[in-house]
């Protein structure tokens, strides 16, 4: 076992209590918490990138109409008509870093119509 840092007894006890409450080993609880925080941070980044892109003047976005754009750190880093090809290049260049890939025109609305009727 490797000791990576010292924490207060109070925090250590809180971690142990949480792990016990969920019936998890402490390491599993901490891994889950780290994974959850990473997911939330990635989601916040993507939302910020989307807001940045959609707030650009239409004149700057117009030349990418009909294409997909990739935005990283509030910068257009790539674009392509083929979404799959764009994804492949982005993964090759940035690995698992959260990168926004979306249609240049903005998010698409997906409507699912169902003939099934629900009675209440």
PDB file of N, CA and C in Angstrom:
ATOM      1  N   UNK A   1       0.846  -1.175   0.000  1.00  0.00           N
ATOM      2  CA  UNK A   1       0.000   0.000   0.000  1.00  0.00           C
ATOM      3  C   UNK A   1       0.889   1.235   0.000  1.00  0.00           C
ATOM      4  N   UNK A   2       0.509   2.221  -0.790  1.00  0.00           N
ATOM      5  CA  UNK A   2       1.255   3.466  -0.890  1.00  0.00           C
ATOM      6  C   UNK A   2       0.477   4.584  -0.222  1.00  0.00           C
ATOM      7  N   UNK A   3       1.146   5.368   0.575  1.00  0.00           N
ATOM      8  CA  UNK A   3       0.527   6.536   1.176  1.00  0.00           C
ATOM      9  C   UNK A   3       0.817   7.712   0.256  1.00  0.00           C
ATOM     10  N   UNK A   4      -0.253   8.362  -0.226  1.00  0.00           N
ATOM     11  CA  UNK A   4      -0.034   9.454  -1.165  1.00  0.00           C
ATOM     12  C   UNK A   4      -0.192  10.830  -0.521  1.00  0.00           C
ATOM     13  N   UNK A   5      -0.942  10.926   0.559  1.00  0.00           N
ATOM     14  CA  UNK A   5      -1.111  12.191   1.232  1.00  0.00           C
ATOM     15  C   UNK A   5      -1.642  11.961   2.636  1.00  0.00           C
ATOM     16  N   UNK A   6      -1.518  12.976   3.441  1.00  0.00           N
ATOM     17  CA  UNK A   6      -2.058  12.890   4.788  1.00  0.00           C
ATOM     18  C   UNK A   6      -3.337  13.699   4.823  1.00  0.00           C
ATOM     19  N   UNK A   7      -4.359  13.139   5.451  1.00  0.00           N
ATOM     20  CA  UNK A   7      -5.628  13.846   5.614  1.00  0.00           C
ATOM     21  C   UNK A   7      -5.958  13.870   7.095  1.00  0.00           C
ATOM     22  N   UNK A   8      -6.855  14.756   7.450  1.00  0.00           N
ATOM     23  CA  UNK A   8      -7.225  14.871   8.854  1.00  0.00           C
ATOM     24  C   UNK A   8      -7.965  13.613   9.301  1.00  0.00           C
ATOM     25  N   UNK A   9      -7.907  13.347  10.580  1.00  0.00           N
ATOM     26  CA  UNK A   9      -8.647  12.212  11.137  1.00  0.00           C
ATOM     27  C   UNK A   9     -10.140  12.365  10.886  1.00  0.00           C
ATOM     28  N   UNK A  10     -10.615  13.601  10.943  1.00  0.00           N
ATOM     29  CA  UNK A  10     -12.046  13.879  10.716  1.00  0.00           C
ATOM     30  C   UNK A  10     -12.458  13.478   9.301  1.00  0.00           C
ATOM     31  N   UNK A  11     -11.664  13.858   8.308  1.00  0.00           N
ATOM     32  CA  UNK A  11     -11.980  13.500   6.921  1.00  0.00           C
ATOM     33  C   UNK A  11     -11.859  11.995   6.717  1.00  0.00           C
ATOM     34  N   UNK A  12     -10.833  11.395   7.295  1.00  0.00           N
ATOM     35  CA  UNK A  12     -10.662   9.943   7.174  1.00  0.00           C
ATOM     36  C   UNK A  12     -11.880   9.223   7.739  1.00  0.00           C
ATOM     37  N   UNK A  13     -12.369   9.687   8.864  1.00  0.00           N
ATOM     38  CA  UNK A  13     -13.543   9.066   9.480  1.00  0.00           C
ATOM     39  C   UNK A  13     -14.779   9.246   8.598  1.00  0.00           C
ATOM     40  N   UNK A  14     -14.915  10.422   8.004  1.00  0.00           N
ATOM     41  CA  UNK A  14     -16.052  10.678   7.107  1.00  0.00           C
ATOM     42  C   UNK A  14     -16.008   9.735   5.903  1.00  0.00           C
ATOM     43  N   UNK A  15     -14.827   9.535   5.356  1.00  0.00           N
ATOM     44  CA  UNK A  15     -14.675   8.618   4.217  1.00  0.00           C
ATOM     45  C   UNK A  15     -15.039   7.200   4.638  1.00  0.00           C
ATOM     46  N   UNK A  16     -14.523   6.761   5.769  1.00  0.00           N
ATOM     47  CA  UNK A  16     -14.846   5.416   6.265  1.00  0.00           C
ATOM     48  C   UNK A  16     -16.345   5.263   6.482  1.00  0.00           C
ATOM     49  N   UNK A  17     -16.976   6.274   7.095  1.00  0.00           N
ATOM     50  CA  UNK A  17     -18.419   6.216   7.356  1.00  0.00           C
ATOM     51  C   UNK A  17     -19.218   6.104   6.064  1.00  0.00           C
ATOM     52  N   UNK A  18     -18.845   6.900   5.057  1.00  0.00           N
ATOM     53  CA  UNK A  18     -19.542   6.852   3.762  1.00  0.00           C
ATOM     54  C   UNK A  18     -19.376   5.482   3.116  1.00  0.00           C
ATOM     55  N   UNK A  19     -18.175   4.968   3.137  1.00  0.00           N
ATOM     56  CA  UNK A  19     -17.923   3.648   2.553  1.00  0.00           C
ATOM     57  C   UNK A  19     -18.760   2.596   3.263  1.00  0.00           C
ATOM     58  N   UNK A  20     -18.823   2.672   4.554  1.00  0.00           N
ATOM     59  CA  UNK A  20     -19.605   1.709   5.336  1.00  0.00           C
ATOM     60  C   UNK A  20     -21.096   1.843   5.024  1.00  0.00           C
ATOM     61  N   UNK A  21     -21.578   3.075   4.906  1.00  0.00           N
ATOM     62  CA  UNK A  21     -22.987   3.322   4.595  1.00  0.00           C
ATOM     63  C   UNK A  21     -23.379   2.662   3.277  1.00  0.00           C
ATOM     64  N   UNK A  22     -22.494   2.750   2.282  1.00  0.00           N
ATOM     65  CA  UNK A  22     -22.783   2.181   0.962  1.00  0.00           C
ATOM     66  C   UNK A  22     -22.305   0.742   0.822  1.00  0.00           C
ATOM     67  N   UNK A  23     -21.695   0.223   1.856  1.00  0.00           N
ATOM     68  CA  UNK A  23     -21.222  -1.158   1.811  1.00  0.00           C
ATOM     69  C   UNK A  23     -20.107  -1.360   0.803  1.00  0.00           C
ATOM     70  N   UNK A  24     -19.242  -0.356   0.687  1.00  0.00           N
ATOM     71  CA  UNK A  24     -18.156  -0.416  -0.289  1.00  0.00           C
ATOM     72  C   UNK A  24     -16.806  -0.360   0.411  1.00  0.00           C
ATOM     73  N   UNK A  25     -15.801  -0.966  -0.186  1.00  0.00           N
ATOM     74  CA  UNK A  25     -14.446  -0.722   0.298  1.00  0.00           C
ATOM     75  C   UNK A  25     -14.110   0.750   0.051  1.00  0.00           C
ATOM     76  N   UNK A  26     -13.278   1.324   0.891  1.00  0.00           N
ATOM     77  CA  UNK A  26     -12.923   2.739   0.775  1.00  0.00           C
ATOM     78  C   UNK A  26     -12.379   3.061  -0.617  1.00  0.00           C
ATOM     79  N   UNK A  27     -11.516   2.218  -1.157  1.00  0.00           N
ATOM     80  CA  UNK A  27     -10.945   2.483  -2.483  1.00  0.00           C
ATOM     81  C   UNK A  27     -12.032   2.555  -3.558  1.00  0.00           C
ATOM     82  N   UNK A  28     -13.033   1.684  -3.479  1.00  0.00           N
ATOM     83  CA  UNK A  28     -14.118   1.710  -4.460  1.00  0.00           C
ATOM     84  C   UNK A  28     -14.933   2.997  -4.339  1.00  0.00           C
ATOM     85  N   UNK A  29     -15.190   3.423  -3.108  1.00  0.00           N
ATOM     86  CA  UNK A  29     -15.921   4.670  -2.885  1.00  0.00           C
ATOM     87  C   UNK A  29     -15.153   5.848  -3.492  1.00  0.00           C
ATOM     88  N   UNK A  30     -13.858   5.898  -3.246  1.00  0.00           N
ATOM     89  CA  UNK A  30     -13.047   6.999  -3.769  1.00  0.00           C
ATOM     90  C   UNK A  30     -12.950   6.951  -5.288  1.00  0.00           C
ATOM     91  N   UNK A  31     -12.802   5.761  -5.856  1.00  0.00           N
ATOM     92  CA  UNK A  31     -12.773   5.636  -7.330  1.00  0.00           C
ATOM     93  C   UNK A  31     -14.080   6.139  -7.940  1.00  0.00           C
ATOM     94  N   UNK A  32     -15.197   5.753  -7.315  1.00  0.00           N
ATOM     95  CA  UNK A  32     -16.507   6.180  -7.805  1.00  0.00           C
ATOM     96  C   UNK A  32     -16.646   7.698  -7.721  1.00  0.00           C
ATOM     97  N   UNK A  33     -16.211   8.276  -6.622  1.00  0.00           N
ATOM     98  CA  UNK A  33     -16.298   9.730  -6.452  1.00  0.00           C
ATOM     99  C   UNK A  33     -15.442  10.454  -7.489  1.00  0.00           C
ATOM    100  N   UNK A  34     -14.260   9.947  -7.751  1.00  0.00           N
ATOM    101  CA  UNK A  34     -13.362  10.559  -8.743  1.00  0.00           C
ATOM    102  C   UNK A  34     -13.981  10.455 -10.138  1.00  0.00           C
ATOM    103  N   UNK A  35     -14.510   9.287 -10.470  1.00  0.00           N
ATOM    104  CA  UNK A  35     -15.147   9.087 -11.776  1.00  0.00           C
ATOM    105  C   UNK A  35     -16.334  10.037 -11.958  1.00  0.00           C
ATOM    106  N   UNK A  36     -17.149  10.164 -10.915  1.00  0.00           N
ATOM    107  CA  UNK A  36     -18.321  11.034 -10.970  1.00  0.00           C
ATOM    108  C   UNK A  36     -17.887  12.485 -11.180  1.00  0.00           C
ATOM    109  N   UNK A  37     -16.883  12.924 -10.440  1.00  0.00           N
ATOM    110  CA  UNK A  37     -16.409  14.306 -10.575  1.00  0.00           C
ATOM    111  C   UNK A  37     -15.828  14.553 -11.957  1.00  0.00           C
ATOM    112  N   UNK A  38     -15.107  13.590 -12.504  1.00  0.00           N
ATOM    113  CA  UNK A  38     -14.552  13.726 -13.859  1.00  0.00           C
ATOM    114  C   UNK A  38     -15.691  13.854 -14.877  1.00  0.00           C
ATOM    115  N   UNK A  39     -16.729  13.036 -14.727  1.00  0.00           N
ATOM    116  CA  UNK A  39     -17.869  13.099 -15.635  1.00  0.00           C
ATOM    117  C   UNK A  39     -18.553  14.457 -15.566  1.00  0.00           C
ATOM    118  N   UNK A  40     -18.772  14.961 -14.363  1.00  0.00           N
ATOM    119  CA  UNK A  40     -19.413  16.272 -14.201  1.00  0.00           C
ATOM    120  C   UNK A  40     -18.551  17.387 -14.793  1.00  0.00           C
ATOM    121  N   UNK A  41     -17.247  17.322 -14.570  1.00  0.00           N
ATOM    122  CA  UNK A  41     -16.348  18.337 -15.119  1.00  0.00           C
ATOM    123  C   UNK A  41     -16.370  18.300 -16.655  1.00  0.00           C
ATOM    124  N   UNK A  42     -16.369  17.101 -17.227  1.00  0.00           N
ATOM    125  CA  UNK A  42     -16.436  16.973 -18.687  1.00  0.00           C
ATOM    126  C   UNK A  42     -17.747  17.533 -19.222  1.00  0.00           C
ATOM    127  N   UNK A  43     -18.831  17.258 -18.528  1.00  0.00           N
ATOM    128  CA  UNK A  43     -20.144  17.756 -18.949  1.00  0.00           C
ATOM    129  C   UNK A  43     -20.172  19.285 -18.909  1.00  0.00           C
ATOM    130  N   UNK A  44     -19.615  19.871 -17.842  1.00  0.00           N
ATOM    131  CA  UNK A  44     -19.558  21.339 -17.740  1.00  0.00           C
ATOM    132  C   UNK A  44     -18.722  21.920 -18.882  1.00  0.00           C
ATOM    133  N   UNK A  45     -17.601  21.264 -19.198  1.00  0.00           N
ATOM    134  CA  UNK A  45     -16.738  21.740 -20.280  1.00  0.00           C
ATOM    135  C   UNK A  45     -17.484  21.729 -21.609  1.00  0.00           C
ATOM    136  N   UNK A  46     -18.168  20.639 -21.895  1.00  0.00           N
ATOM    137  CA  UNK A  46     -18.915  20.525 -23.157  1.00  0.00           C
ATOM    138  C   UNK A  46     -19.997  21.604 -23.235  1.00  0.00           C
ATOM    139  N   UNK A  47     -20.702  21.838 -22.141  1.00  0.00           N
ATOM    140  CA  UNK A  47     -21.741  22.876 -22.131  1.00  0.00           C
ATOM    141  C   UNK A  47     -21.141  24.259 -22.373  1.00  0.00           C
ATOM    142  N   UNK A  48     -19.983  24.532 -21.782  1.00  0.00           N
ATOM    143  CA  UNK A  48     -19.310  25.817 -22.000  1.00  0.00           C
ATOM    144  C   UNK A  48     -18.852  25.960 -23.443  1.00  0.00           C
ATOM    145  N   UNK A  49     -18.333  24.873 -24.021  1.00  0.00           N
ATOM    146  CA  UNK A  49     -17.886  24.904 -25.422  1.00  0.00           C
ATOM    147  C   UNK A  49     -19.079  25.171 -26.343  1.00  0.00           C
ATOM    148  N   UNK A  50     -20.203  24.524 -26.066  1.00  0.00           N
ATOM    149  CA  UNK A  50     -21.394  24.706 -26.892  1.00  0.00           C
ATOM    150  C   UNK A  50     -21.894  26.146 -26.790  1.00  0.00           C
ATOM    151  N   UNK A  51     -21.927  26.687 -25.591  1.00  0.00           N
ATOM    152  CA  UNK A  51     -22.358  28.071 -25.406  1.00  0.00           C
ATOM    153  C   UNK A  51     -21.446  29.013 -26.175  1.00  0.00           C
ATOM    154  N   UNK A  52     -20.132  28.788 -26.093  1.00  0.00           N
ATOM    155  CA  UNK A  52     -19.178  29.625 -26.815  1.00  0.00           C
ATOM    156  C   UNK A  52     -19.453  29.574 -28.313  1.00  0.00           C
ATOM    157  N   UNK A  53     -19.591  28.361 -28.847  1.00  0.00           N
ATOM    158  CA  UNK A  53     -19.808  28.206 -30.293  1.00  0.00           C
ATOM    159  C   UNK A  53     -21.101  28.882 -30.728  1.00  0.00           C
ATOM    160  N   UNK A  54     -22.180  28.650 -30.010  1.00  0.00           N
ATOM    161  CA  UNK A  54     -23.474  29.203 -30.406  1.00  0.00           C
ATOM    162  C   UNK A  54     -23.552  30.713 -30.214  1.00  0.00           C
ATOM    163  N   UNK A  55     -22.668  31.283 -29.405  1.00  0.00           N
ATOM    164  CA  UNK A  55     -22.639  32.728 -29.218  1.00  0.00           C
ATOM    165  C   UNK A  55     -21.732  33.447 -30.222  1.00  0.00           C
ATOM    166  N   UNK A  56     -21.023  32.687 -31.039  1.00  0.00           N
ATOM    167  CA  UNK A  56     -20.237  33.313 -32.100  1.00  0.00           C
ATOM    168  C   UNK A  56     -21.195  33.965 -33.090  1.00  0.00           C
ATOM    169  N   UNK A  57     -20.774  35.035 -33.739  1.00  0.00           N
ATOM    170  CA  UNK A  57     -21.640  35.655 -34.749  1.00  0.00           C
ATOM    171  C   UNK A  57     -21.987  34.645 -35.843  1.00  0.00           C
ATOM    172  N   UNK A  58     -23.194  34.742 -36.333  1.00  0.00           N
ATOM    173  CA  UNK A  58     -23.652  33.844 -37.395  1.00  0.00           C
ATOM    174  C   UNK A  58     -22.725  33.893 -38.602  1.00  0.00           C
ATOM    175  N   UNK A  59     -22.162  35.049 -38.879  1.00  0.00           N
ATOM    176  CA  UNK A  59     -21.265  35.183 -40.033  1.00  0.00           C
ATOM    177  C   UNK A  59     -20.035  34.288 -39.897  1.00  0.00           C
ATOM    178  N   UNK A  60     -19.557  34.055 -38.666  1.00  0.00           N
ATOM    179  CA  UNK A  60     -18.396  33.186 -38.454  1.00  0.00           C
ATOM    180  C   UNK A  60     -18.782  31.713 -38.527  1.00  0.00           C
ATOM    181  N   UNK A  61     -20.015  31.392 -38.111  1.00  0.00           N
ATOM    182  CA  UNK A  61     -20.445  29.994 -38.123  1.00  0.00           C
ATOM    183  C   UNK A  61     -20.979  29.564 -39.481  1.00  0.00           C
ATOM    184  N   UNK A  62     -21.421  30.512 -40.293  1.00  0.00           N
ATOM    185  CA  UNK A  62     -22.095  30.203 -41.559  1.00  0.00           C
ATOM    186  C   UNK A  62     -21.236  29.375 -42.509  1.00  0.00           C
ATOM    187  N   UNK A  63     -19.930  29.610 -42.526  1.00  0.00           N
ATOM    188  CA  UNK A  63     -19.080  28.874 -43.479  1.00  0.00           C
ATOM    189  C   UNK A  63     -18.966  27.394 -43.144  1.00  0.00           C
ATOM    190  N   UNK A  64     -19.430  26.990 -41.960  1.00  0.00           N
ATOM    191  CA  UNK A  64     -19.378  25.578 -41.561  1.00  0.00           C
ATOM    192  C   UNK A  64     -20.751  24.900 -41.673  1.00  0.00           C
ATOM    193  N   UNK A  65     -21.714  25.612 -42.246  1.00  0.00           N
ATOM    194  CA  UNK A  65     -23.068  25.073 -42.391  1.00  0.00           C
ATOM    195  C   UNK A  65     -23.033  23.738 -43.140  1.00  0.00           C
ATOM    196  N   UNK A  66     -23.758  22.771 -42.631  1.00  0.00           N
ATOM    197  CA  UNK A  66     -23.800  21.445 -43.240  1.00  0.00           C
ATOM    198  C   UNK A  66     -22.660  20.553 -42.782  1.00  0.00           C
ATOM    199  N   UNK A  67     -21.828  21.064 -41.886  1.00  0.00           N
ATOM    200  CA  UNK A  67     -20.696  20.285 -41.382  1.00  0.00           C
ATOM    201  C   UNK A  67     -20.834  20.089 -39.871  1.00  0.00           C
ATOM    202  N   UNK A  68     -19.977  19.256 -39.353  1.00  0.00           N
ATOM    203  CA  UNK A  68     -19.852  19.073 -37.912  1.00  0.00           C
ATOM    204  C   UNK A  68     -18.593  19.809 -37.483  1.00  0.00           C
ATOM    205  N   UNK A  69     -18.659  20.406 -36.301  1.00  0.00           N
ATOM    206  CA  UNK A  69     -17.505  21.130 -35.774  1.00  0.00           C
ATOM    207  C   UNK A  69     -17.019  20.477 -34.493  1.00  0.00           C
ATOM    208  N   UNK A  70     -15.731  20.622 -34.237  1.00  0.00           N
ATOM    209  CA  UNK A  70     -15.133  20.147 -32.991  1.00  0.00           C
ATOM    210  C   UNK A  70     -14.551  21.369 -32.280  1.00  0.00           C
ATOM    211  N   UNK A  71     -14.958  21.548 -31.012  1.00  0.00           N
ATOM    212  CA  UNK A  71     -14.529  22.717 -30.245  1.00  0.00           C
ATOM    213  C   UNK A  71     -13.826  22.238 -28.979  1.00  0.00           C
ATOM    214  N   UNK A  72     -12.641  22.813 -28.740  1.00  0.00           N
ATOM    215  CA  UNK A  72     -11.852  22.476 -27.550  1.00  0.00           C
ATOM    216  C   UNK A  72     -11.250  23.767 -27.004  1.00  0.00           C
ATOM    217  N   UNK A  73     -11.438  24.000 -25.720  1.00  0.00           N
ATOM    218  CA  UNK A  73     -10.936  25.219 -25.065  1.00  0.00           C
ATOM    219  C   UNK A  73     -11.384  26.479 -25.805  1.00  0.00           C
ATOM    220  N   UNK A  74     -12.661  26.492 -26.180  1.00  0.00           N
ATOM    221  CA  UNK A  74     -13.285  27.632 -26.859  1.00  0.00           C
ATOM    222  C   UNK A  74     -12.548  28.015 -28.130  1.00  0.00           C
ATOM    223  N   UNK A  75     -12.119  26.980 -28.847  1.00  0.00           N
ATOM    224  CA  UNK A  75     -11.451  27.148 -30.135  1.00  0.00           C
ATOM    225  C   UNK A  75     -11.953  26.072 -31.082  1.00  0.00           C
ATOM    226  N   UNK A  76     -12.269  26.456 -32.294  1.00  0.00           N
ATOM    227  CA  UNK A  76     -12.636  25.480 -33.318  1.00  0.00           C
ATOM    228  C   UNK A  76     -11.365  24.736 -33.705  1.00  0.00           C
ATOM    229  N   UNK A  77     -11.330  23.436 -33.438  1.00  0.00           N
ATOM    230  CA  UNK A  77     -10.107  22.673 -33.698  1.00  0.00           C
ATOM    231  C   UNK A  77     -10.197  21.797 -34.949  1.00  0.00           C
ATOM    232  N   UNK A  78     -11.412  21.544 -35.448  1.00  0.00           N
ATOM    233  CA  UNK A  78     -11.556  20.717 -36.650  1.00  0.00           C
ATOM    234  C   UNK A  78     -13.005  20.790 -37.113  1.00  0.00           C
ATOM    235  N   UNK A  79     -13.243  20.394 -38.353  1.00  0.00           N
ATOM    236  CA  UNK A  79     -14.605  20.330 -38.896  1.00  0.00           C
ATOM    237  C   UNK A  79     -14.613  19.346 -40.052  1.00  0.00           C
ATOM    238  N   UNK A  80     -15.806  18.801 -40.331  1.00  0.00           N
ATOM    239  CA  UNK A  80     -15.922  17.818 -41.409  1.00  0.00           C
ATOM    240  C   UNK A  80     -17.403  17.592 -41.683  1.00  0.00           C
ATOM    241  N   UNK A  81     -17.726  17.219 -42.919  1.00  0.00           N
ATOM    242  CA  UNK A  81     -19.098  16.829 -43.233  1.00  0.00           C
ATOM    243  C   UNK A  81     -19.407  15.455 -42.674  1.00  0.00           C
ATOM    244  N   UNK A  82     -18.381  14.652 -42.511  1.00  0.00           N
ATOM    245  CA  UNK A  82     -18.535  13.282 -42.024  1.00  0.00           C
ATOM    246  C   UNK A  82     -18.267  13.251 -40.518  1.00  0.00           C
ATOM    247  N   UNK A  83     -19.317  13.066 -39.748  1.00  0.00           N
ATOM    248  CA  UNK A  83     -19.190  13.083 -38.286  1.00  0.00           C
ATOM    249  C   UNK A  83     -18.265  11.974 -37.781  1.00  0.00           C
ATOM    250  N   UNK A  84     -18.362  10.793 -38.365  1.00  0.00           N
ATOM    251  CA  UNK A  84     -17.528   9.668 -37.940  1.00  0.00           C
ATOM    252  C   UNK A  84     -16.054   9.961 -38.181  1.00  0.00           C
ATOM    253  N   UNK A  85     -15.729  10.493 -39.349  1.00  0.00           N
ATOM    254  CA  UNK A  85     -14.331  10.830 -39.657  1.00  0.00           C
ATOM    255  C   UNK A  85     -13.815  11.889 -38.685  1.00  0.00           C
ATOM    256  N   UNK A  86     -14.658  12.862 -38.369  1.00  0.00           N
ATOM    257  CA  UNK A  86     -14.267  13.906 -37.418  1.00  0.00           C
ATOM    258  C   UNK A  86     -13.993  13.304 -36.039  1.00  0.00           C
ATOM    259  N   UNK A  87     -14.898  12.448 -35.580  1.00  0.00           N
ATOM    260  CA  UNK A  87     -14.702  11.785 -34.284  1.00  0.00           C
ATOM    261  C   UNK A  87     -13.382  11.009 -34.257  1.00  0.00           C
ATOM    262  N   UNK A  88     -13.090  10.305 -35.321  1.00  0.00           N
ATOM    263  CA  UNK A  88     -11.861   9.506 -35.372  1.00  0.00           C
ATOM    264  C   UNK A  88     -10.619  10.393 -35.280  1.00  0.00           C
ATOM    265  N   UNK A  89     -10.620  11.507 -35.989  1.00  0.00           N
ATOM    266  CA  UNK A  89      -9.465  12.414 -35.924  1.00  0.00           C
ATOM    267  C   UNK A  89      -9.327  13.037 -34.533  1.00  0.00           C
ATOM    268  N   UNK A  90     -10.457  13.409 -33.954  1.00  0.00           N
ATOM    269  CA  UNK A  90     -10.439  14.033 -32.618  1.00  0.00           C
ATOM    270  C   UNK A  90      -9.906  13.039 -31.583  1.00  0.00           C
ATOM    271  N   UNK A  91     -10.373  11.795 -31.622  1.00  0.00           N
ATOM    272  CA  UNK A  91      -9.892  10.780 -30.668  1.00  0.00           C
ATOM    273  C   UNK A  91      -8.404  10.514 -30.865  1.00  0.00           C
ATOM    274  N   UNK A  92      -7.970  10.474 -32.127  1.00  0.00           N
ATOM    275  CA  UNK A  92      -6.552  10.223 -32.400  1.00  0.00           C
ATOM    276  C   UNK A  92      -5.681  11.363 -31.856  1.00  0.00           C
ATOM    277  N   UNK A  93      -6.170  12.580 -31.956  1.00  0.00           N
ATOM    278  CA  UNK A  93      -5.382  13.736 -31.536  1.00  0.00           C
ATOM    279  C   UNK A  93      -5.493  14.027 -30.039  1.00  0.00           C
ATOM    280  N   UNK A  94      -6.700  13.888 -29.465  1.00  0.00           N
ATOM    281  CA  UNK A  94      -6.936  14.313 -28.081  1.00  0.00           C
ATOM    282  C   UNK A  94      -7.220  13.171 -27.111  1.00  0.00           C
ATOM    283  N   UNK A  95      -7.266  11.948 -27.599  1.00  0.00           N
ATOM    284  CA  UNK A  95      -7.536  10.826 -26.704  1.00  0.00           C
ATOM    285  C   UNK A  95      -8.923  10.944 -26.072  1.00  0.00           C
ATOM    286  N   UNK A  96      -8.994  10.749 -24.764  1.00  0.00           N
ATOM    287  CA  UNK A  96     -10.286  10.779 -24.066  1.00  0.00           C
ATOM    288  C   UNK A  96     -10.666  12.153 -23.523  1.00  0.00           C
ATOM    289  N   UNK A  97      -9.961  13.195 -23.946  1.00  0.00           N
ATOM    290  CA  UNK A  97     -10.307  14.546 -23.521  1.00  0.00           C
ATOM    291  C   UNK A  97     -11.697  14.891 -24.024  1.00  0.00           C
ATOM    292  N   UNK A  98     -12.480  15.576 -23.195  1.00  0.00           N
ATOM    293  CA  UNK A  98     -13.831  15.981 -23.591  1.00  0.00           C
ATOM    294  C   UNK A  98     -13.746  17.068 -24.662  1.00  0.00           C
ATOM    295  N   UNK A  99     -14.243  16.755 -25.850  1.00  0.00           N
ATOM    296  CA  UNK A  99     -14.252  17.688 -26.981  1.00  0.00           C
ATOM    297  C   UNK A  99     -15.684  17.750 -27.492  1.00  0.00           C
ATOM    298  N   UNK A 100     -16.196  18.953 -27.688  1.00  0.00           N
ATOM    299  CA  UNK A 100     -17.538  19.111 -28.247  1.00  0.00           C
ATOM    300  C   UNK A 100     -17.509  18.806 -29.738  1.00  0.00           C
ATOM    301  N   UNK A 101     -18.361  17.906 -30.178  1.00  0.00           N
ATOM    302  CA  UNK A 101     -18.577  17.653 -31.604  1.00  0.00           C
ATOM    303  C   UNK A 101     -20.079  17.779 -31.820  1.00  0.00           C
ATOM    304  N   UNK A 102     -20.453  18.693 -32.710  1.00  0.00           N
ATOM    305  CA  UNK A 102     -21.878  18.940 -32.956  1.00  0.00           C
ATOM    306  C   UNK A 102     -22.069  19.519 -34.352  1.00  0.00           C
ATOM    307  N   UNK A 103     -23.312  19.488 -34.853  1.00  0.00           N
ATOM    308  CA  UNK A 103     -23.580  20.143 -36.129  1.00  0.00           C
ATOM    309  C   UNK A 103     -23.301  21.639 -35.997  1.00  0.00           C
ATOM    310  N   UNK A 104     -22.713  22.229 -36.993  1.00  0.00           N
ATOM    311  CA  UNK A 104     -22.357  23.648 -36.927  1.00  0.00           C
ATOM    312  C   UNK A 104     -23.568  24.538 -36.693  1.00  0.00           C
ATOM    313  N   UNK A 105     -24.729  24.100 -37.150  1.00  0.00           N
ATOM    314  CA  UNK A 105     -25.939  24.909 -37.013  1.00  0.00           C
ATOM    315  C   UNK A 105     -26.469  24.920 -35.592  1.00  0.00           C
ATOM    316  N   UNK A 106     -26.014  24.002 -34.776  1.00  0.00           N
ATOM    317  CA  UNK A 106     -26.511  23.919 -33.396  1.00  0.00           C
ATOM    318  C   UNK A 106     -27.056  22.540 -33.117  1.00  0.00           C
ATOM    319  N   UNK A 107     -27.504  22.315 -31.882  1.00  0.00           N
ATOM    320  CA  UNK A 107     -28.028  21.000 -31.523  1.00  0.00           C
ATOM    321  C   UNK A 107     -29.242  20.657 -32.378  1.00  0.00           C
ATOM    322  N   UNK A 108     -29.351  19.404 -32.692  1.00  0.00           N
ATOM    323  CA  UNK A 108     -30.505  18.942 -33.455  1.00  0.00           C
ATOM    324  C   UNK A 108     -31.599  18.508 -32.503  1.00  0.00           C
ATOM    325  N   UNK A 109     -32.810  18.750 -32.904  1.00  0.00           N
ATOM    326  CA  UNK A 109     -33.949  18.296 -32.118  1.00  0.00           C
ATOM    327  C   UNK A 109     -34.366  16.939 -32.652  1.00  0.00           C
ATOM    328  N   UNK A 110     -34.515  16.016 -31.758  1.00  0.00           N
ATOM    329  CA  UNK A 110     -34.953  14.681 -32.156  1.00  0.00           C
ATOM    330  C   UNK A 110     -36.357  14.491 -31.608  1.00  0.00           C
ATOM    331  N   UNK A 111     -37.279  14.198 -32.492  1.00  0.00           N
ATOM    332  CA  UNK A 111     -38.652  13.964 -32.066  1.00  0.00           C
ATOM    333  C   UNK A 111     -38.987  12.511 -32.340  1.00  0.00           C
ATOM    334  N   UNK A 112     -39.541  11.881 -31.355  1.00  0.00           N
ATOM    335  CA  UNK A 112     -39.966  10.496 -31.507  1.00  0.00           C
ATOM    336  C   UNK A 112     -41.471  10.474 -31.323  1.00  0.00           C
ATOM    337  N   UNK A 113     -42.142  10.114 -32.382  1.00  0.00           N
ATOM    338  CA  UNK A 113     -43.597  10.043 -32.327  1.00  0.00           C
ATOM    339  C   UNK A 113     -44.004   8.596 -32.117  1.00  0.00           C
ATOM    340  N   UNK A 114     -44.918   8.403 -31.216  1.00  0.00           N
ATOM    341  CA  UNK A 114     -45.337   7.039 -30.912  1.00  0.00           C
ATOM    342  C   UNK A 114     -46.843   6.926 -31.109  1.00  0.00           C
ATOM    343  N   UNK A 115     -47.267   5.881 -31.796  1.00  0.00           N
ATOM    344  CA  UNK A 115     -48.711   5.693 -31.983  1.00  0.00           C
ATOM    345  C   UNK A 115     -49.377   5.127 -30.725  1.00  0.00           C
ATOM    346  N   UNK A 116     -48.577   4.739 -29.767  1.00  0.00           N
ATOM    347  CA  UNK A 116     -49.120   4.148 -28.550  1.00  0.00           C
ATOM    348  C   UNK A 116     -49.794   5.216 -27.694  1.00  0.00           C
ATOM    349  N   UNK A 117     -50.955   4.920 -27.231  1.00  0.00           N
ATOM    350  CA  UNK A 117     -51.685   5.846 -26.373  1.00  0.00           C
ATOM    351  C   UNK A 117     -51.579   5.369 -24.936  1.00  0.00           C
ATOM    352  N   UNK A 118     -51.403   6.302 -24.056  1.00  0.00           N
ATOM    353  CA  UNK A 118     -51.285   5.982 -22.646  1.00  0.00           C
ATOM    354  C   UNK A 118     -52.540   6.482 -21.958  1.00  0.00           C
ATOM    355  N   UNK A 119     -53.184   5.594 -21.214  1.00  0.00           N
ATOM    356  CA  UNK A 119     -54.363   5.983 -20.455  1.00  0.00           C
ATOM    357  C   UNK A 119     -53.986   6.220 -19.008  1.00  0.00           C
ATOM    358  N   UNK A 120     -54.514   7.259 -18.450  1.00  0.00           N
ATOM    359  CA  UNK A 120     -54.213   7.554 -17.052  1.00  0.00           C
ATOM    360  C   UNK A 120     -55.379   7.205 -16.169  1.00  0.00           C
TER     361      UNK A 120
END
